[in-house]
Structures are given as structure tokens and as C-alpha cells.
PDB file of N, CA and C in Angstrom:
ATOM      1  N   UNK A   1       1.057  -1.238  -0.242  1.00  0.00           N
ATOM      2  CA  UNK A   1       0.171  -0.177   0.355  1.00  0.00           C
ATOM      3  C   UNK A   1       0.943   1.209   0.164  1.00  0.00           C
ATOM      4  N   UNK A   2       0.699   2.048  -0.868  1.00  0.00           N
ATOM      5  CA  UNK A   2       1.155   3.504  -0.769  1.00  0.00           C
ATOM      6  C   UNK A   2       0.276   4.381  -0.625  1.00  0.00           C
ATOM      7  N   UNK A   3       0.953   5.411   0.290  1.00  0.00           N
ATOM      8  CA  UNK A   3       0.103   6.665   0.866  1.00  0.00           C
ATOM      9  C   UNK A   3       0.844   7.972   0.383  1.00  0.00           C
ATOM     10  N   UNK A   4      -0.141   8.839  -0.291  1.00  0.00           N
ATOM     11  CA  UNK A   4       0.769   9.906  -0.663  1.00  0.00           C
ATOM     12  C   UNK A   4      -0.498  10.931   0.435  1.00  0.00           C
ATOM     13  N   UNK A   5       0.903  11.977   0.825  1.00  0.00           N
ATOM     14  CA  UNK A   5       0.198  13.175   1.557  1.00  0.00           C
ATOM     15  C   UNK A   5       0.610  14.115   1.212  1.00  0.00           C
ATOM     16  N   UNK A   6       0.225  15.083   0.901  1.00  0.00           N
ATOM     17  CA  UNK A   6       0.756  16.638   0.502  1.00  0.00           C
ATOM     18  C   UNK A   6      -0.285  17.846   1.275  1.00  0.00           C
ATOM     19  N   UNK A   7       0.597  18.537   1.737  1.00  0.00           N
ATOM     20  CA  UNK A   7       0.281  19.661   1.750  1.00  0.00           C
ATOM     21  C   UNK A   7       0.569  21.189   0.877  1.00  0.00           C
ATOM     22  N   UNK A   8      -0.490  21.963   0.604  1.00  0.00           N
ATOM     23  CA  UNK A   8      -0.340  23.024  -0.164  1.00  0.00           C
ATOM     24  C   UNK A   8      -0.880  24.094  -0.095  1.00  0.00           C
ATOM     25  N   UNK A   9      -0.231  25.259  -0.294  1.00  0.00           N
ATOM     26  CA  UNK A   9      -0.698  26.648   0.354  1.00  0.00           C
ATOM     27  C   UNK A   9      -0.502  27.222  -1.139  1.00  0.00           C
ATOM     28  N   UNK A  10      -1.880  27.969  -0.848  1.00  0.00           N
ATOM     29  CA  UNK A  10      -2.232  28.605  -2.059  1.00  0.00           C
ATOM     30  C   UNK A  10      -2.703  29.921  -1.698  1.00  0.00           C
ATOM     31  N   UNK A  11      -2.386  31.075  -2.767  1.00  0.00           N
ATOM     32  CA  UNK A  11      -2.870  32.254  -2.363  1.00  0.00           C
ATOM     33  C   UNK A  11      -4.320  32.580  -1.963  1.00  0.00           C
ATOM     34  N   UNK A  12      -4.413  33.528  -1.194  1.00  0.00           N
ATOM     35  CA  UNK A  12      -6.242  33.314  -0.930  1.00  0.00           C
ATOM     36  C   UNK A  12      -7.068  33.552  -1.699  1.00  0.00           C
ATOM     37  N   UNK A  13      -8.159  32.716  -1.607  1.00  0.00           N
ATOM     38  CA  UNK A  13      -9.253  32.964  -2.622  1.00  0.00           C
ATOM     39  C   UNK A  13      -9.079  32.024  -3.997  1.00  0.00           C
ATOM     40  N   UNK A  14      -7.867  31.237  -3.866  1.00  0.00           N
ATOM     41  CA  UNK A  14      -7.539  30.231  -4.937  1.00  0.00           C
ATOM     42  C   UNK A  14      -8.646  29.079  -4.702  1.00  0.00           C
ATOM     43  N   UNK A  15      -8.762  28.633  -3.754  1.00  0.00           N
ATOM     44  CA  UNK A  15      -9.521  27.259  -3.940  1.00  0.00           C
ATOM     45  C   UNK A  15     -10.992  27.721  -4.201  1.00  0.00           C
ATOM     46  N   UNK A  16     -11.553  28.473  -3.945  1.00  0.00           N
ATOM     47  CA  UNK A  16     -13.009  28.619  -4.518  1.00  0.00           C
ATOM     48  C   UNK A  16     -12.795  28.891  -6.103  1.00  0.00           C
ATOM     49  N   UNK A  17     -11.384  29.423  -6.724  1.00  0.00           N
ATOM     50  CA  UNK A  17     -11.120  29.167  -7.838  1.00  0.00           C
ATOM     51  C   UNK A  17     -11.211  28.183  -8.727  1.00  0.00           C
ATOM     52  N   UNK A  18     -10.407  27.500  -7.729  1.00  0.00           N
ATOM     53  CA  UNK A  18     -10.412  25.806  -8.501  1.00  0.00           C
ATOM     54  C   UNK A  18     -11.075  24.685  -7.982  1.00  0.00           C
ATOM     55  N   UNK A  19     -11.918  25.217  -7.389  1.00  0.00           N
ATOM     56  CA  UNK A  19     -12.853  24.252  -6.821  1.00  0.00           C
ATOM     57  C   UNK A  19     -13.272  23.348  -7.711  1.00  0.00           C
ATOM     58  N   UNK A  20     -13.935  23.587  -8.951  1.00  0.00           N
ATOM     59  CA  UNK A  20     -14.760  22.408  -9.722  1.00  0.00           C
ATOM     60  C   UNK A  20     -13.441  21.633 -10.090  1.00  0.00           C
ATOM     61  N   UNK A  21     -12.378  21.886 -10.470  1.00  0.00           N
ATOM     62  CA  UNK A  21     -11.234  21.297 -11.204  1.00  0.00           C
ATOM     63  C   UNK A  21     -10.485  20.181  -9.756  1.00  0.00           C
ATOM     64  N   UNK A  22     -10.570  20.548  -8.172  1.00  0.00           N
ATOM     65  CA  UNK A  22     -10.370  19.549  -7.247  1.00  0.00           C
ATOM     66  C   UNK A  22     -11.701  18.806  -6.964  1.00  0.00           C
ATOM     67  N   UNK A  23     -12.795  18.810  -7.403  1.00  0.00           N
ATOM     68  CA  UNK A  23     -13.750  17.674  -7.318  1.00  0.00           C
ATOM     69  C   UNK A  23     -13.757  16.747  -8.428  1.00  0.00           C
ATOM     70  N   UNK A  24     -13.044  17.659 -10.049  1.00  0.00           N
ATOM     71  CA  UNK A  24     -13.189  16.642 -11.204  1.00  0.00           C
ATOM     72  C   UNK A  24     -12.126  15.609 -11.021  1.00  0.00           C
ATOM     73  N   UNK A  25     -10.794  16.134 -10.167  1.00  0.00           N
ATOM     74  CA  UNK A  25      -9.813  15.402  -9.666  1.00  0.00           C
ATOM     75  C   UNK A  25     -10.322  14.502  -8.830  1.00  0.00           C
ATOM     76  N   UNK A  26     -10.863  14.493  -7.884  1.00  0.00           N
ATOM     77  CA  UNK A  26     -11.334  13.553  -6.774  1.00  0.00           C
ATOM     78  C   UNK A  26     -11.935  12.440  -7.566  1.00  0.00           C
ATOM     79  N   UNK A  27     -12.764  12.860  -8.064  1.00  0.00           N
ATOM     80  CA  UNK A  27     -14.222  11.923  -8.558  1.00  0.00           C
ATOM     81  C   UNK A  27     -13.449  11.255  -9.917  1.00  0.00           C
ATOM     82  N   UNK A  28     -12.497  11.728 -10.564  1.00  0.00           N
ATOM     83  CA  UNK A  28     -11.893  10.864 -12.130  1.00  0.00           C
ATOM     84  C   UNK A  28     -10.972   9.610 -10.872  1.00  0.00           C
ATOM     85  N   UNK A  29     -10.092  10.405 -10.340  1.00  0.00           N
ATOM     86  CA  UNK A  29      -8.723   9.625  -9.658  1.00  0.00           C
ATOM     87  C   UNK A  29      -9.521   8.397  -8.818  1.00  0.00           C
ATOM     88  N   UNK A  30     -10.615   8.674  -7.978  1.00  0.00           N
ATOM     89  CA  UNK A  30     -11.254   7.706  -7.378  1.00  0.00           C
ATOM     90  C   UNK A  30     -11.314   6.474  -8.293  1.00  0.00           C
ATOM     91  N   UNK A  31     -11.843   6.676  -9.488  1.00  0.00           N
ATOM     92  CA  UNK A  31     -12.343   5.828 -10.526  1.00  0.00           C
ATOM     93  C   UNK A  31     -11.163   4.655 -11.070  1.00  0.00           C
ATOM     94  N   UNK A  32      -9.853   5.088 -10.921  1.00  0.00           N
ATOM     95  CA  UNK A  32      -8.751   4.477 -11.428  1.00  0.00           C
ATOM     96  C   UNK A  32      -8.371   3.230 -10.895  1.00  0.00           C
ATOM     97  N   UNK A  33      -8.225   2.106 -11.590  1.00  0.00           N
ATOM     98  CA  UNK A  33      -7.740   0.998 -10.930  1.00  0.00           C
ATOM     99  C   UNK A  33      -6.289   0.973  -9.702  1.00  0.00           C
ATOM    100  N   UNK A  34      -6.651   0.575  -8.907  1.00  0.00           N
ATOM    101  CA  UNK A  34      -5.626   0.571  -7.701  1.00  0.00           C
ATOM    102  C   UNK A  34      -5.736   1.842  -7.166  1.00  0.00           C
ATOM    103  N   UNK A  35      -7.006   2.629  -7.257  1.00  0.00           N
ATOM    104  CA  UNK A  35      -7.044   4.153  -6.106  1.00  0.00           C
ATOM    105  C   UNK A  35      -7.581   3.361  -4.923  1.00  0.00           C
ATOM    106  N   UNK A  36      -7.107   3.322  -4.013  1.00  0.00           N
ATOM    107  CA  UNK A  36      -8.220   3.183  -2.767  1.00  0.00           C
ATOM    108  C   UNK A  36      -9.124   4.584  -2.293  1.00  0.00           C
ATOM    109  N   UNK A  37      -8.112   5.484  -2.199  1.00  0.00           N
ATOM    110  CA  UNK A  37      -9.014   6.756  -1.805  1.00  0.00           C
ATOM    111  C   UNK A  37      -8.338   7.806  -2.177  1.00  0.00           C
ATOM    112  N   UNK A  38      -8.959   9.061  -2.449  1.00  0.00           N
ATOM    113  CA  UNK A  38      -8.367  10.134  -3.143  1.00  0.00           C
ATOM    114  C   UNK A  38      -8.948  11.316  -2.560  1.00  0.00           C
ATOM    115  N   UNK A  39      -8.472  12.367  -1.744  1.00  0.00           N
ATOM    116  CA  UNK A  39      -9.462  13.682  -1.186  1.00  0.00           C
ATOM    117  C   UNK A  39      -8.740  14.785  -1.186  1.00  0.00           C
ATOM    118  N   UNK A  40      -9.265  15.751  -1.187  1.00  0.00           N
ATOM    119  CA  UNK A  40      -8.483  17.030  -0.562  1.00  0.00           C
ATOM    120  C   UNK A  40      -9.481  17.659   0.073  1.00  0.00           C
ATOM    121  N   UNK A  41      -9.013  18.415   1.128  1.00  0.00           N
ATOM    122  CA  UNK A  41      -9.315  19.220   2.000  1.00  0.00           C
ATOM    123  C   UNK A  41      -8.869  20.179   2.211  1.00  0.00           C
ATOM    124  N   UNK A  42      -9.760  21.237   2.974  1.00  0.00           N
ATOM    125  CA  UNK A  42      -9.200  22.525   3.208  1.00  0.00           C
ATOM    126  C   UNK A  42      -8.890  22.527   4.872  1.00  0.00           C
ATOM    127  N   UNK A  43      -7.870  23.357   5.140  1.00  0.00           N
ATOM    128  CA  UNK A  43      -7.497  23.244   6.399  1.00  0.00           C
ATOM    129  C   UNK A  43      -8.848  24.067   7.202  1.00  0.00           C
ATOM    130  N   UNK A  44      -9.139  23.261   8.517  1.00  0.00           N
ATOM    131  CA  UNK A  44     -10.098  24.847   9.336  1.00  0.00           C
ATOM    132  C   UNK A  44     -10.039  25.972   9.620  1.00  0.00           C
ATOM    133  N   UNK A  45      -8.567  25.745  10.098  1.00  0.00           N
ATOM    134  CA  UNK A  45      -7.864  27.262  10.227  1.00  0.00           C
ATOM    135  C   UNK A  45      -7.502  28.050   9.155  1.00  0.00           C
ATOM    136  N   UNK A  46      -7.370  27.799   8.361  1.00  0.00           N
ATOM    137  CA  UNK A  46      -6.408  28.336   7.324  1.00  0.00           C
ATOM    138  C   UNK A  46      -6.724  27.836   5.874  1.00  0.00           C
ATOM    139  N   UNK A  47      -7.721  28.630   5.220  1.00  0.00           N
ATOM    140  CA  UNK A  47      -8.347  28.445   3.986  1.00  0.00           C
ATOM    141  C   UNK A  47      -7.191  28.405   2.932  1.00  0.00           C
ATOM    142  N   UNK A  48      -6.230  28.973   3.260  1.00  0.00           N
ATOM    143  CA  UNK A  48      -5.338  28.687   1.823  1.00  0.00           C
ATOM    144  C   UNK A  48      -4.332  27.808   2.124  1.00  0.00           C
ATOM    145  N   UNK A  49      -4.416  26.886   2.794  1.00  0.00           N
ATOM    146  CA  UNK A  49      -3.927  25.540   3.157  1.00  0.00           C
ATOM    147  C   UNK A  49      -4.579  24.326   2.894  1.00  0.00           C
ATOM    148  N   UNK A  50      -4.327  23.816   1.539  1.00  0.00           N
ATOM    149  CA  UNK A  50      -5.201  22.390   1.274  1.00  0.00           C
ATOM    150  C   UNK A  50      -4.335  20.935   1.390  1.00  0.00           C
ATOM    151  N   UNK A  51      -5.232  19.786   1.886  1.00  0.00           N
ATOM    152  CA  UNK A  51      -4.174  19.018   2.493  1.00  0.00           C
ATOM    153  C   UNK A  51      -4.995  17.648   0.921  1.00  0.00           C
ATOM    154  N   UNK A  52      -3.784  17.116   0.800  1.00  0.00           N
ATOM    155  CA  UNK A  52      -4.332  15.845  -0.520  1.00  0.00           C
ATOM    156  C   UNK A  52      -3.687  14.661   0.363  1.00  0.00           C
ATOM    157  N   UNK A  53      -4.886  13.760   0.512  1.00  0.00           N
ATOM    158  CA  UNK A  53      -4.227  12.285   0.854  1.00  0.00           C
ATOM    159  C   UNK A  53      -4.663  11.102  -0.137  1.00  0.00           C
ATOM    160  N   UNK A  54      -4.024  10.210  -0.360  1.00  0.00           N
ATOM    161  CA  UNK A  54      -4.495   9.274  -1.424  1.00  0.00           C
ATOM    162  C   UNK A  54      -3.766   8.185  -0.672  1.00  0.00           C
ATOM    163  N   UNK A  55      -4.283   6.913  -1.145  1.00  0.00           N
ATOM    164  CA  UNK A  55      -3.923   5.684  -0.779  1.00  0.00           C
ATOM    165  C   UNK A  55      -4.165   4.831  -2.250  1.00  0.00           C
ATOM    166  N   UNK A  56      -3.019   4.113  -2.464  1.00  0.00           N
ATOM    167  CA  UNK A  56      -2.917   3.173  -4.034  1.00  0.00           C
ATOM    168  C   UNK A  56      -2.242   2.172  -3.603  1.00  0.00           C
ATOM    169  N   UNK A  57      -2.890   1.038  -4.527  1.00  0.00           N
ATOM    170  CA  UNK A  57      -2.418  -0.486  -4.059  1.00  0.00           C
ATOM    171  C   UNK A  57      -1.304  -0.501  -4.635  1.00  0.00           C
ATOM    172  N   UNK A  58      -0.410   0.059  -5.608  1.00  0.00           N
ATOM    173  CA  UNK A  58       0.695  -0.243  -6.163  1.00  0.00           C
ATOM    174  C   UNK A  58       1.411   0.871  -6.628  1.00  0.00           C
ATOM    175  N   UNK A  59       2.685   1.017  -6.864  1.00  0.00           N
ATOM    176  CA  UNK A  59       3.529   1.827  -7.464  1.00  0.00           C
ATOM    177  C   UNK A  59       2.929   2.021  -9.227  1.00  0.00           C
ATOM    178  N   UNK A  60       2.755   1.079  -9.566  1.00  0.00           N
ATOM    179  CA  UNK A  60       2.312   0.928 -11.172  1.00  0.00           C
ATOM    180  C   UNK A  60       1.325   1.631 -11.260  1.00  0.00           C
ATOM    181  N   UNK A  61       0.112   1.550 -10.002  1.00  0.00           N
ATOM    182  CA  UNK A  61      -1.221   2.545  -9.906  1.00  0.00           C
ATOM    183  C   UNK A  61      -0.980   3.760 -10.132  1.00  0.00           C
ATOM    184  N   UNK A  62      -0.082   4.062  -9.126  1.00  0.00           N
ATOM    185  CA  UNK A  62       0.468   5.507  -8.865  1.00  0.00           C
ATOM    186  C   UNK A  62       0.802   6.170 -10.255  1.00  0.00           C
ATOM    187  N   UNK A  63       1.946   5.302 -10.933  1.00  0.00           N
ATOM    188  CA  UNK A  63       2.389   5.919 -11.952  1.00  0.00           C
ATOM    189  C   UNK A  63       1.295   6.054 -13.080  1.00  0.00           C
ATOM    190  N   UNK A  64       0.380   5.289 -13.020  1.00  0.00           N
ATOM    191  CA  UNK A  64      -0.528   5.170 -14.469  1.00  0.00           C
ATOM    192  C   UNK A  64      -1.584   6.761 -14.016  1.00  0.00           C
ATOM    193  N   UNK A  65      -1.884   6.783 -12.832  1.00  0.00           N
ATOM    194  CA  UNK A  65      -2.229   8.189 -12.487  1.00  0.00           C
ATOM    195  C   UNK A  65      -1.624   9.439 -12.926  1.00  0.00           C
ATOM    196  N   UNK A  66      -0.434   9.470 -13.050  1.00  0.00           N
ATOM    197  CA  UNK A  66       0.100  10.607 -13.374  1.00  0.00           C
ATOM    198  C   UNK A  66      -0.022  10.846 -14.933  1.00  0.00           C
ATOM    199  N   UNK A  67      -0.085   9.547 -15.761  1.00  0.00           N
ATOM    200  CA  UNK A  67      -0.538   9.790 -16.976  1.00  0.00           C
ATOM    201  C   UNK A  67      -1.812   9.880 -17.392  1.00  0.00           C
ATOM    202  N   UNK A  68      -2.762  10.077 -16.902  1.00  0.00           N
ATOM    203  CA  UNK A  68      -4.487   9.949 -17.318  1.00  0.00           C
ATOM    204  C   UNK A  68      -4.747  11.484 -17.659  1.00  0.00           C
ATOM    205  N   UNK A  69      -5.400  11.661 -18.403  1.00  0.00           N
ATOM    206  CA  UNK A  69      -6.101  12.754 -18.786  1.00  0.00           C
ATOM    207  C   UNK A  69      -6.552  14.010 -17.921  1.00  0.00           C
ATOM    208  N   UNK A  70      -7.102  13.357 -16.632  1.00  0.00           N
ATOM    209  CA  UNK A  70      -7.436  14.358 -15.878  1.00  0.00           C
ATOM    210  C   UNK A  70      -6.604  15.050 -14.932  1.00  0.00           C
ATOM    211  N   UNK A  71      -5.744  14.336 -14.857  1.00  0.00           N
ATOM    212  CA  UNK A  71      -4.132  14.669 -14.212  1.00  0.00           C
ATOM    213  C   UNK A  71      -3.554  15.992 -14.699  1.00  0.00           C
ATOM    214  N   UNK A  72      -3.557  15.312 -16.292  1.00  0.00           N
ATOM    215  CA  UNK A  72      -3.132  16.607 -17.405  1.00  0.00           C
ATOM    216  C   UNK A  72      -4.003  17.952 -17.386  1.00  0.00           C
ATOM    217  N   UNK A  73      -5.148  17.523 -17.159  1.00  0.00           N
ATOM    218  CA  UNK A  73      -6.039  19.072 -16.752  1.00  0.00           C
ATOM    219  C   UNK A  73      -6.111  19.764 -15.556  1.00  0.00           C
ATOM    220  N   UNK A  74      -5.720  18.984 -14.681  1.00  0.00           N
ATOM    221  CA  UNK A  74      -5.446  19.105 -13.390  1.00  0.00           C
ATOM    222  C   UNK A  74      -4.039  20.189 -13.256  1.00  0.00           C
ATOM    223  N   UNK A  75      -3.157  19.804 -13.988  1.00  0.00           N
ATOM    224  CA  UNK A  75      -1.989  20.371 -14.046  1.00  0.00           C
ATOM    225  C   UNK A  75      -1.768  21.710 -14.769  1.00  0.00           C
ATOM    226  N   UNK A  76      -2.888  22.143 -15.808  1.00  0.00           N
ATOM    227  CA  UNK A  76      -3.086  22.906 -16.220  1.00  0.00           C
ATOM    228  C   UNK A  76      -3.849  23.868 -15.551  1.00  0.00           C
ATOM    229  N   UNK A  77      -4.390  23.617 -14.723  1.00  0.00           N
ATOM    230  CA  UNK A  77      -5.385  24.473 -13.728  1.00  0.00           C
ATOM    231  C   UNK A  77      -4.568  24.926 -12.836  1.00  0.00           C
ATOM    232  N   UNK A  78      -3.523  24.064 -12.143  1.00  0.00           N
ATOM    233  CA  UNK A  78      -2.804  24.560 -11.236  1.00  0.00           C
ATOM    234  C   UNK A  78      -1.555  25.460 -11.803  1.00  0.00           C
ATOM    235  N   UNK A  79      -1.266  25.292 -13.214  1.00  0.00           N
ATOM    236  CA  UNK A  79      -0.558  26.364 -13.493  1.00  0.00           C
ATOM    237  C   UNK A  79      -1.026  27.458 -13.700  1.00  0.00           C
ATOM    238  N   UNK A  80      -2.407  28.067 -13.955  1.00  0.00           N
ATOM    239  CA  UNK A  80      -2.873  28.880 -13.997  1.00  0.00           C
ATOM    240  C   UNK A  80      -3.115  29.590 -12.550  1.00  0.00           C
ATOM    241  N   UNK A  81      -2.810  28.813 -11.202  1.00  0.00           N
ATOM    242  CA  UNK A  81      -3.034  29.190 -10.070  1.00  0.00           C
ATOM    243  C   UNK A  81      -1.863  28.668  -9.112  1.00  0.00           C
ATOM    244  N   UNK A  82      -0.939  29.137  -9.626  1.00  0.00           N
ATOM    245  CA  UNK A  82       0.941  28.109  -8.737  1.00  0.00           C
ATOM    246  C   UNK A  82       0.386  28.349  -7.557  1.00  0.00           C
ATOM    247  N   UNK A  83       0.887  27.168  -6.859  1.00  0.00           N
ATOM    248  CA  UNK A  83       1.099  27.160  -5.296  1.00  0.00           C
ATOM    249  C   UNK A  83       1.951  28.058  -5.004  1.00  0.00           C
ATOM    250  N   UNK A  84       1.698  28.918  -3.443  1.00  0.00           N
ATOM    251  CA  UNK A  84       2.909  29.478  -3.075  1.00  0.00           C
ATOM    252  C   UNK A  84       3.766  28.014  -2.418  1.00  0.00           C
ATOM    253  N   UNK A  85       3.059  27.292  -1.711  1.00  0.00           N
ATOM    254  CA  UNK A  85       4.407  26.094  -1.699  1.00  0.00           C
ATOM    255  C   UNK A  85       3.774  24.748  -1.677  1.00  0.00           C
ATOM    256  N   UNK A  86       4.383  23.499  -1.780  1.00  0.00           N
ATOM    257  CA  UNK A  86       3.646  22.309  -1.818  1.00  0.00           C
ATOM    258  C   UNK A  86       4.795  21.375  -1.118  1.00  0.00           C
ATOM    259  N   UNK A  87       4.320  20.735  -0.420  1.00  0.00           N
ATOM    260  CA  UNK A  87       5.094  19.299   0.349  1.00  0.00           C
ATOM    261  C   UNK A  87       4.463  18.384   0.225  1.00  0.00           C
ATOM    262  N   UNK A  88       4.839  17.519  -0.775  1.00  0.00           N
ATOM    263  CA  UNK A  88       4.588  15.907  -0.718  1.00  0.00           C
ATOM    264  C   UNK A  88       5.257  15.073  -0.481  1.00  0.00           C
ATOM    265  N   UNK A  89       4.536  14.150  -0.254  1.00  0.00           N
ATOM    266  CA  UNK A  89       5.406  12.841   1.039  1.00  0.00           C
ATOM    267  C   UNK A  89       4.847  11.682   0.199  1.00  0.00           C
ATOM    268  N   UNK A  90       5.732  10.592  -0.141  1.00  0.00           N
ATOM    269  CA  UNK A  90       4.952   9.307  -0.732  1.00  0.00           C
ATOM    270  C   UNK A  90       5.459   8.205   0.429  1.00  0.00           C
ATOM    271  N   UNK A  91       4.558   7.823   0.881  1.00  0.00           N
ATOM    272  CA  UNK A  91       4.922   6.577   2.006  1.00  0.00           C
ATOM    273  C   UNK A  91       4.468   5.270   1.715  1.00  0.00           C
ATOM    274  N   UNK A  92       5.383   4.092   1.640  1.00  0.00           N
ATOM    275  CA  UNK A  92       5.128   2.454   1.378  1.00  0.00           C
ATOM    276  C   UNK A  92       4.916   2.172   2.831  1.00  0.00           C
ATOM    277  N   UNK A  93       3.453   1.285   3.121  1.00  0.00           N
ATOM    278  CA  UNK A  93       2.980   1.091   4.022  1.00  0.00           C
ATOM    279  C   UNK A  93       3.271  -0.343   4.329  1.00  0.00           C
ATOM    280  N   UNK A  94       3.496  -0.756   5.306  1.00  0.00           N
ATOM    281  CA  UNK A  94       3.761  -2.688   5.466  1.00  0.00           C
ATOM    282  C   UNK A  94       2.333  -3.029   5.962  1.00  0.00           C
ATOM    283  N   UNK A  95       1.897  -2.505   6.671  1.00  0.00           N
ATOM    284  CA  UNK A  95       0.595  -3.189   7.295  1.00  0.00           C
ATOM    285  C   UNK A  95      -0.269  -2.212   7.860  1.00  0.00           C
ATOM    286  N   UNK A  96      -1.364  -2.401   8.223  1.00  0.00           N
ATOM    287  CA  UNK A  96      -2.497  -1.597   8.826  1.00  0.00           C
ATOM    288  C   UNK A  96      -2.698  -1.912  10.185  1.00  0.00           C
ATOM    289  N   UNK A  97      -2.774  -1.143  11.203  1.00  0.00           N
ATOM    290  CA  UNK A  97      -2.986  -1.489  12.733  1.00  0.00           C
ATOM    291  C   UNK A  97      -4.167  -1.019  13.304  1.00  0.00           C
ATOM    292  N   UNK A  98      -4.858  -1.515  14.008  1.00  0.00           N
ATOM    293  CA  UNK A  98      -6.209  -0.782  14.951  1.00  0.00           C
ATOM    294  C   UNK A  98      -5.489   0.224  15.946  1.00  0.00           C
ATOM    295  N   UNK A  99      -6.199   1.484  15.866  1.00  0.00           N
ATOM    296  CA  UNK A  99      -5.672   2.478  16.785  1.00  0.00           C
ATOM    297  C   UNK A  99      -5.796   2.046  18.513  1.00  0.00           C
ATOM    298  N   UNK A 100      -4.851   2.057  19.165  1.00  0.00           N
ATOM    299  CA  UNK A 100      -4.600   1.822  20.420  1.00  0.00           C
ATOM    300  C   UNK A 100      -5.742   2.307  21.191  1.00  0.00           C
ATOM    301  N   UNK A 101      -6.489   1.978  22.207  1.00  0.00           N
ATOM    302  CA  UNK A 101      -7.680   2.060  23.170  1.00  0.00           C
ATOM    303  C   UNK A 101      -7.303   2.379  24.522  1.00  0.00           C
TER     304      UNK A 101
END
């Protein structure tokens, strides 16, 4: 299992301008083979901070994701509204554990 976690800071007001692109990216990515989950969220205390969380079954599935038409369209939208900063991490997870209680 691969987990992608990203934190993206955008200029104020940008989230509203790209909301449709974010929604389309979520919907289309979730349809891809090997996508377990794909979600954008906005920080509740800072509306210019986006988080992206993704889970993929394999590296091949993730690599295929980067070649999809919706990823190209999304990249074009980001090109028009470039992030102020972006921190993206990829993790390989060996197993899932229950939360301690």
C-alpha cells in the first residue's frame, strides 16, 4: 500500500477558483484501478492550506495516475493558479494496525 500526503499552500481565494477542478480530480482519480482513496481537504483554520490524501494499491497504479487525462487537465489549472508552496510525501506502508484504545 502506498500513501501520498501533501500539504499545499495557495494564494487567498484560490481554493474557490479551483474548486471544480479539485472535485473533478477527486471523482476521476477514485475511478482509477488501484486507487483506494483520493481526497482534498481545506484546513479549518487556514483556508489557503489544502491537504491531499491518497492511498494506492501499487506503484504501477500511482504511475498510471500521473499519465491520466484528468491529471493533465488538473496540472493546467494549477499552472494558472500556482501554489505558494507544496510539500508532498510518498510512504510505503507494510501493514494497517488498529488504533490503540
